[in-house]
Amino acid sequence: MNEKDFVELCKKTVAEYANKHLDKTDGKQVTEDDVFIVWMCKTLQNNKAMASTTLFDGMYYEITYNGNKKEIYLDAYKKWENKCIKIACQNCSHAHKVDDITYECDAKEYDINTLNCFVPKEV
């Protein structure tokens, strides 16, 4: 599936889903023009996109096209919060590499409980 066809399919799928789940008493309908693609990629015969709508409902959609099976999957999410979590050492201010639960900085020794490295104190 080419990019243009995939984008059209995403917009149609999200609009249909949103309209089916909207409160009918609101009298609002979503069109494909109300759907926007946030991120998209293609790997081999598969496509994936993240989309949302102009509604103020906090919904976020993940659309995956399985080119082998000619199937499309839709995941619908409700965004509750956008939060920044800094992973930086309080002693040396370097970001730590996350590898499983191993964290590293210039000191090469790290306290997993405090997110700080063991920096030798000058005497």
Protein backbone atom coordinates (compact mmCIF):
# COMPACT_ATOMS: atom_id res chain seq x y z
CA MET A 1 0.00 0.00 0.00
CA ASN A 2 1.44 3.37 -0.94
CA GLU A 3 1.64 6.31 1.47
CA LYS A 4 -1.28 8.25 -0.03
CA ASP A 5 -3.63 5.25 0.14
CA PHE A 6 -2.54 4.46 3.70
CA VAL A 7 -3.16 8.04 4.89
CA GLU A 8 -6.63 8.01 3.32
CA LEU A 9 -7.40 4.65 4.93
CA CYS A 10 -6.20 5.92 8.33
CA LYS A 11 -8.34 9.05 8.15
CA LYS A 12 -11.41 7.09 7.05
CA THR A 13 -10.92 4.45 9.77
CA VAL A 14 -10.42 7.01 12.56
CA ALA A 15 -13.36 9.17 11.43
CA GLU A 16 -15.69 6.16 11.33
CA TYR A 17 -14.51 4.99 14.76
CA ALA A 18 -14.84 8.44 16.33
CA ASN A 19 -18.33 8.98 14.90
CA LYS A 20 -19.46 5.57 16.15
CA HIS A 21 -18.27 6.41 19.68
CA LEU A 22 -19.31 10.07 19.91
CA ASP A 23 -22.18 11.05 22.20
CA LYS A 24 -25.13 11.40 19.81
CA THR A 25 -26.61 14.24 21.88
CA ASP A 26 -23.61 16.44 21.00
CA GLY A 27 -24.76 16.53 17.39
CA LYS A 28 -21.11 16.48 16.20
CA GLN A 29 -19.71 14.35 13.38
CA VAL A 30 -16.05 13.99 12.44
CA THR A 31 -15.00 14.07 8.79
CA GLU A 32 -11.78 12.76 7.31
CA ASP A 33 -10.62 16.40 7.16
CA ASP A 34 -10.83 16.49 10.99
CA VAL A 35 -8.29 13.65 11.30
CA PHE A 36 -4.56 14.39 11.25
CA ILE A 37 -1.54 12.11 11.14
CA VAL A 38 1.00 12.75 13.90
CA TRP A 39 3.58 10.13 12.89
CA MET A 40 3.83 7.47 10.20
CA CYS A 41 6.28 4.83 8.95
CA LYS A 42 6.46 1.99 6.43
CA THR A 43 8.54 -1.16 6.84
CA LEU A 44 8.46 -3.66 3.99
CA GLN A 45 4.77 -4.28 3.27
CA ASN A 46 3.55 -2.92 6.65
CA ASN A 47 2.48 0.58 7.65
CA LYS A 48 1.91 2.22 11.02
CA ALA A 49 0.55 5.66 11.90
CA MET A 50 -0.40 7.65 14.97
CA ALA A 51 -3.38 9.95 14.47
CA SER A 52 -5.76 12.23 16.33
CA THR A 53 -8.73 14.45 15.55
CA THR A 54 -9.65 18.10 16.06
CA LEU A 55 -12.05 17.07 18.84
CA PHE A 56 -11.08 18.09 22.37
CA ASP A 57 -11.58 14.55 23.67
CA GLY A 58 -7.94 13.57 24.27
CA MET A 59 -8.22 10.52 22.01
CA TYR A 60 -5.18 9.21 20.17
CA TYR A 61 -5.22 6.43 17.57
CA GLU A 62 -2.63 3.91 16.41
CA ILE A 63 -3.34 2.36 13.02
CA THR A 64 -1.35 -0.62 11.76
CA TYR A 65 -1.65 -2.18 8.31
CA ASN A 66 -0.48 -5.80 8.04
CA GLY A 67 0.45 -6.18 4.39
CA ASN A 68 0.83 -9.97 4.63
CA LYS A 69 -2.71 -10.51 5.89
CA LYS A 70 -4.27 -7.41 4.27
CA GLU A 71 -5.66 -6.40 7.68
CA ILE A 72 -5.79 -3.09 9.50
CA TYR A 73 -5.67 -2.82 13.29
CA LEU A 74 -6.91 0.19 15.24
CA ASP A 75 -5.91 0.96 18.83
CA ALA A 76 -7.72 3.84 20.52
CA TYR A 77 -6.12 5.56 23.50
CA LYS A 78 -7.18 8.30 25.89
CA LYS A 79 -4.38 10.72 26.72
CA TRP A 80 -4.41 11.39 30.44
CA GLU A 81 -1.18 13.27 30.91
CA ASN A 82 1.95 14.51 29.18
CA LYS A 83 4.72 14.46 31.75
CA CYS A 84 8.46 15.04 31.49
CA ILE A 85 10.56 12.64 33.55
CA LYS A 86 14.21 13.62 33.60
CA ILE A 87 16.78 10.89 33.97
CA ALA A 88 19.91 12.81 34.80
CA CYS A 89 22.46 12.40 37.49
CA GLN A 90 22.21 14.87 40.34
CA ASN A 91 25.95 14.61 40.95
CA CYS A 92 27.38 15.01 37.46
CA SER A 93 24.32 16.27 35.48
CA HIS A 94 24.86 13.77 32.67
CA ALA A 95 21.99 11.77 31.23
CA HIS A 96 22.25 8.09 31.96
CA LYS A 97 22.07 5.38 29.37
CA VAL A 98 19.12 3.11 30.02
CA ASP A 99 19.97 -0.50 29.26
CA ASP A 100 17.50 -2.79 30.99
CA ILE A 101 17.91 -1.29 34.46
CA THR A 102 21.61 -0.50 34.14
CA TYR A 103 22.39 3.20 34.22
CA GLU A 104 25.76 4.65 33.36
CA CYS A 105 27.41 8.04 33.52
CA ASP A 106 31.01 9.26 33.60
CA ALA A 107 31.52 7.78 37.05
CA LYS A 108 30.52 4.28 35.79
CA GLU A 109 28.95 3.52 39.17
CA TYR A 110 25.33 4.31 39.75
CA ASP A 111 22.81 4.16 42.60
CA ILE A 112 19.61 2.74 41.11
CA ASN A 113 17.54 4.10 44.02
CA THR A 114 18.57 7.75 43.86
CA LEU A 115 19.39 8.08 40.14
CA ASN A 116 22.79 9.50 41.12
CA CYS A 117 26.30 8.39 40.30
CA PHE A 118 28.98 7.85 42.89
CA VAL A 119 31.30 10.79 42.34
CA PRO A 120 34.36 10.70 44.55
CA LYS A 121 34.34 13.62 46.96
CA GLU A 122 37.48 15.68 47.08
CA VAL A 123 39.27 15.60 50.41
